[in-house]
């Protein structure tokens, strides 16, 4: 199975760390976050990985090389300019009929193999991995109607289904990505919907966290330390 990992972003929300270190190489305890993802992919049967790189690409390429040390076949797709999250797909040749796409800066216990098989079995054109995210509001929320207080909820928690930045796509959907132009995956997904393509959402029992912000990064380090065996069950 084949995976495309988006590893070209500047990681602006993690500055100043990402001024000198690409976000995928940010350490989570003793491992770069991207290495955790790569080890998981290997465990779940993905042998071929394409890293779409741009910002500080040489550091990533030097660190992982051809993937031999991890038991993977790693190749690189270089962007001359920032192309968003979908744009890099237009530069990649030899994509398989179905392939996984994911960000290189997320911490998750998702079973990538089950997601992939779900996509194939339901005959979807694109499948998004969805996660139930609780959002706490640290304020009193007022419901007002015509200046009259209707309800007052102190520090409520709302739940939403959010995209994890993990997708399985059919090769044909890349035709909707303009060549070497910036496009994000949400825009591609909505373009597919407008064309009446089949877009499914996979909802499984797993943990997920995007490390894009300083607070989330710090949280991810603590969670990984406490629950390492859940993220790397094969790393005994």
Protein backbone atom coordinates (compact mmCIF):
# COMPACT_ATOMS: atom_id res chain seq x y z
CA UNK A 1 0.00 0.00 0.00
CA UNK A 2 1.09 3.55 -0.69
CA UNK A 3 1.01 6.70 1.46
CA UNK A 4 1.66 10.34 0.63
CA UNK A 5 2.76 12.42 3.60
CA UNK A 6 2.47 16.20 3.45
CA UNK A 7 5.67 17.48 5.04
CA UNK A 8 6.31 20.77 3.28
CA UNK A 9 4.62 23.31 5.55
CA UNK A 10 6.50 26.06 7.38
CA UNK A 11 4.93 25.31 10.76
CA UNK A 12 4.35 29.02 11.39
CA UNK A 13 2.32 28.42 14.56
CA UNK A 14 5.27 26.61 16.13
CA UNK A 15 7.80 29.38 15.64
CA UNK A 16 10.50 29.97 16.73
CA UNK A 17 11.16 26.18 16.87
CA UNK A 18 10.33 25.64 13.19
CA UNK A 19 12.68 28.40 12.04
CA UNK A 20 15.52 25.88 12.20
CA UNK A 21 13.65 22.56 12.46
CA UNK A 22 10.93 21.44 10.02
CA UNK A 23 7.73 20.65 11.88
CA UNK A 24 7.78 16.92 10.94
CA UNK A 25 11.11 16.62 12.80
CA UNK A 26 9.82 18.17 16.02
CA UNK A 27 10.58 15.66 18.79
CA UNK A 28 7.83 13.84 20.64
CA UNK A 29 9.81 12.47 23.57
CA UNK A 30 12.71 10.66 21.87
CA UNK A 31 11.32 10.46 18.32
CA UNK A 32 10.47 13.01 15.62
CA UNK A 33 6.71 13.09 15.06
CA UNK A 34 7.17 12.02 11.43
CA UNK A 35 9.16 8.96 12.47
CA UNK A 36 6.29 7.89 14.73
CA UNK A 37 3.93 8.18 11.76
CA UNK A 38 6.30 6.27 9.48
CA UNK A 39 6.70 3.46 11.99
CA UNK A 40 2.94 3.20 12.28
CA UNK A 41 2.53 3.06 8.51
CA UNK A 42 5.07 0.26 8.27
CA UNK A 43 3.24 -1.68 11.00
CA UNK A 44 -0.08 -1.33 9.16
CA UNK A 45 1.28 -2.60 5.85
CA UNK A 46 2.26 0.55 3.96
CA UNK A 47 5.59 -0.11 2.24
CA UNK A 48 5.84 2.81 -0.21
CA UNK A 49 5.86 6.37 1.11
CA UNK A 50 6.15 9.64 -0.79
CA UNK A 51 7.13 12.68 1.27
CA UNK A 52 5.93 15.95 -0.27
CA UNK A 53 8.52 18.45 0.97
CA UNK A 54 9.41 22.13 0.67
CA UNK A 55 10.40 24.04 3.83
CA UNK A 56 13.81 22.83 5.11
CA UNK A 57 13.38 19.81 2.85
CA UNK A 58 17.05 18.85 2.90
CA UNK A 59 16.91 18.19 6.65
CA UNK A 60 13.98 15.80 6.22
CA UNK A 61 15.63 14.06 3.27
CA UNK A 62 18.91 13.67 5.14
CA UNK A 63 17.20 12.32 8.25
CA UNK A 64 15.05 9.65 6.57
CA UNK A 65 17.00 8.96 3.38
CA UNK A 66 15.43 6.21 1.28
CA UNK A 67 13.64 4.73 4.30
CA UNK A 68 15.75 1.59 4.45
CA UNK A 69 16.41 1.92 8.19
CA UNK A 70 12.66 1.88 8.83
CA UNK A 71 11.95 -0.91 6.37
CA UNK A 72 10.21 1.47 3.99
CA UNK A 73 10.68 2.66 0.44
CA UNK A 74 10.68 6.46 0.77
CA UNK A 75 10.71 8.83 -2.18
CA UNK A 76 10.42 12.61 -2.24
CA UNK A 77 8.36 15.10 -4.20
CA UNK A 78 9.82 18.61 -4.05
CA UNK A 79 7.63 21.70 -4.32
CA UNK A 80 9.26 24.80 -5.80
CA UNK A 81 6.52 26.86 -4.16
CA UNK A 82 3.93 26.29 -1.46
CA UNK A 83 1.04 24.35 -3.00
CA UNK A 84 -1.25 23.82 -0.01
CA UNK A 85 -2.34 20.34 1.05
CA UNK A 86 -3.84 19.07 -2.22
CA UNK A 87 -1.61 20.88 -4.74
CA UNK A 88 1.41 18.60 -4.13
CA UNK A 89 -0.58 15.63 -5.47
CA UNK A 90 -0.45 17.15 -8.96
CA UNK A 91 3.34 16.71 -8.99
CA UNK A 92 3.42 13.03 -8.05
CA UNK A 93 3.63 10.33 -10.69
CA UNK A 94 2.89 6.62 -10.30
CA UNK A 95 0.17 6.98 -7.70
CA UNK A 96 -1.54 3.69 -6.93
CA UNK A 97 -5.26 3.12 -7.58
CA UNK A 98 -5.98 3.93 -3.92
CA UNK A 99 -3.55 5.79 -1.68
CA UNK A 100 -3.41 7.29 1.80
CA UNK A 101 -2.77 11.02 2.27
CA UNK A 102 -1.95 12.49 5.65
CA UNK A 103 -0.20 15.37 7.36
CA UNK A 104 3.24 14.66 8.77
CA UNK A 105 2.61 16.38 12.10
CA UNK A 106 -0.18 14.45 13.80
CA UNK A 107 -0.26 12.08 16.74
CA UNK A 108 -2.84 9.33 16.45
CA UNK A 109 -3.67 5.73 17.31
CA UNK A 110 -5.73 5.34 14.11
CA UNK A 111 -5.48 1.94 12.42
CA UNK A 112 -4.45 3.06 8.93
CA UNK A 113 -5.09 -0.40 7.48
CA UNK A 114 -8.71 -0.44 8.67
CA UNK A 115 -9.27 3.04 7.22
CA UNK A 116 -7.80 1.97 3.89
CA UNK A 117 -9.89 -1.22 3.73
CA UNK A 118 -13.05 0.73 4.62
CA UNK A 119 -12.44 3.09 1.70
CA UNK A 120 -11.98 0.22 -0.74
CA UNK A 121 -14.92 -1.83 0.56
CA UNK A 122 -17.46 1.02 0.36
CA UNK A 123 -16.17 1.99 -3.11
CA UNK A 124 -15.63 5.60 -2.16
CA UNK A 125 -13.82 8.14 -4.33
CA UNK A 126 -12.50 9.91 -1.24
CA UNK A 127 -12.66 9.03 2.43
CA UNK A 128 -11.99 11.38 5.33
CA UNK A 129 -11.03 10.16 8.76
CA UNK A 130 -13.32 11.93 11.24
CA UNK A 131 -12.70 12.51 14.94
CA UNK A 132 -15.04 13.66 17.71
CA UNK A 133 -13.44 16.77 19.21
CA UNK A 134 -14.70 18.36 22.42
CA UNK A 135 -14.36 22.15 22.56
CA UNK A 136 -14.57 23.77 25.99
CA UNK A 137 -15.67 27.38 26.20
CA UNK A 138 -14.08 28.96 29.28
CA UNK A 139 -16.77 31.64 29.50
CA UNK A 140 -20.43 31.85 30.33
CA UNK A 141 -22.39 31.47 27.08
CA UNK A 142 -25.58 33.49 26.76
CA UNK A 143 -28.56 32.74 24.60
CA UNK A 144 -30.37 36.01 23.91
CA UNK A 145 -33.57 36.69 22.05
CA UNK A 146 -34.70 40.28 21.52
CA UNK A 147 -32.46 41.49 24.38
CA UNK A 148 -34.11 38.96 26.73
CA UNK A 149 -31.90 36.33 28.38
CA UNK A 150 -33.15 32.89 27.38
CA UNK A 151 -30.39 30.72 28.82
CA UNK A 152 -27.06 31.02 30.60
CA UNK A 153 -24.60 28.12 30.31
CA UNK A 154 -21.39 28.36 32.32
CA UNK A 155 -18.29 27.00 30.57
CA UNK A 156 -20.08 24.58 28.24
CA UNK A 157 -18.42 21.80 26.26
CA UNK A 158 -19.49 21.33 22.64
CA UNK A 159 -18.64 18.30 20.50
CA UNK A 160 -17.93 18.40 16.78
CA UNK A 161 -16.81 15.88 14.19
CA UNK A 162 -13.57 17.27 12.74
CA UNK A 163 -11.26 16.28 9.92
CA UNK A 164 -8.01 14.70 11.09
CA UNK A 165 -6.05 15.54 7.94
CA UNK A 166 -6.00 11.83 7.04
CA UNK A 167 -7.60 10.75 3.76
CA UNK A 168 -7.77 7.83 1.37
CA UNK A 169 -8.18 8.90 -2.24
CA UNK A 170 -8.68 7.22 -5.58
CA UNK A 171 -6.06 8.10 -8.18
CA UNK A 172 -8.72 9.56 -10.51
CA UNK A 173 -9.56 12.40 -8.11
CA UNK A 174 -6.13 13.95 -8.73
CA UNK A 175 -7.55 15.09 -12.09
CA UNK A 176 -9.42 17.75 -10.09
CA UNK A 177 -6.18 19.20 -8.71
CA UNK A 178 -4.74 21.96 -10.97
CA UNK A 179 -1.16 21.28 -12.02
CA UNK A 180 1.42 23.03 -9.86
CA UNK A 181 -1.15 25.42 -8.36
CA UNK A 182 -2.10 25.93 -4.74
CA UNK A 183 -5.10 23.94 -3.58
CA UNK A 184 -6.07 22.57 -0.19
CA UNK A 185 -7.66 19.20 0.47
CA UNK A 186 -10.94 20.65 1.81
CA UNK A 187 -11.32 22.47 -1.53
CA UNK A 188 -10.65 19.23 -3.40
CA UNK A 189 -13.19 17.36 -1.29
CA UNK A 190 -15.88 19.97 -1.97
CA UNK A 191 -15.02 19.94 -5.68
CA UNK A 192 -15.61 16.19 -5.66
CA UNK A 193 -18.96 16.69 -3.93
CA UNK A 194 -20.00 19.17 -6.62
CA UNK A 195 -19.17 16.51 -9.21
CA UNK A 196 -21.35 14.00 -7.34
CA UNK A 197 -18.40 11.83 -6.42
CA UNK A 198 -18.70 9.51 -3.44
CA UNK A 199 -17.14 11.00 -0.30
CA UNK A 200 -17.32 8.96 2.90
CA UNK A 201 -16.32 9.68 6.50
CA UNK A 202 -14.61 6.99 8.57
CA UNK A 203 -15.40 7.11 12.28
CA UNK A 204 -13.34 4.75 14.43
CA UNK A 205 -12.29 4.38 18.04
CA UNK A 206 -8.94 6.12 18.17
CA UNK A 207 -7.05 9.10 19.58
CA UNK A 208 -5.89 12.05 17.47
CA UNK A 209 -4.09 15.35 18.03
CA UNK A 210 -2.67 17.89 15.58
CA UNK A 211 0.58 19.33 17.00
CA UNK A 212 0.29 22.57 15.03
CA UNK A 213 0.17 24.91 18.05
CA UNK A 214 2.55 25.25 20.98
CA UNK A 215 -0.02 24.10 23.54
CA UNK A 216 -0.99 21.10 21.42
CA UNK A 217 2.66 20.21 20.89
CA UNK A 218 3.35 20.25 24.61
CA UNK A 219 0.23 18.17 25.24
CA UNK A 220 1.28 15.63 22.59
CA UNK A 221 4.64 15.09 24.29
CA UNK A 222 3.00 14.35 27.64
CA UNK A 223 0.37 12.08 26.10
CA UNK A 224 2.94 10.12 24.11
CA UNK A 225 5.11 9.60 27.18
CA UNK A 226 2.14 8.36 29.21
CA UNK A 227 0.57 6.20 26.48
CA UNK A 228 3.52 5.24 24.28
CA UNK A 229 2.41 1.61 23.90
CA UNK A 230 -0.87 2.76 22.32
CA UNK A 231 0.95 4.68 19.60
CA UNK A 232 3.72 2.14 19.06
CA UNK A 233 2.24 -1.23 20.14
CA UNK A 234 4.94 -3.02 18.15
CA UNK A 235 7.84 -1.16 19.80
CA UNK A 236 8.52 -3.45 22.74
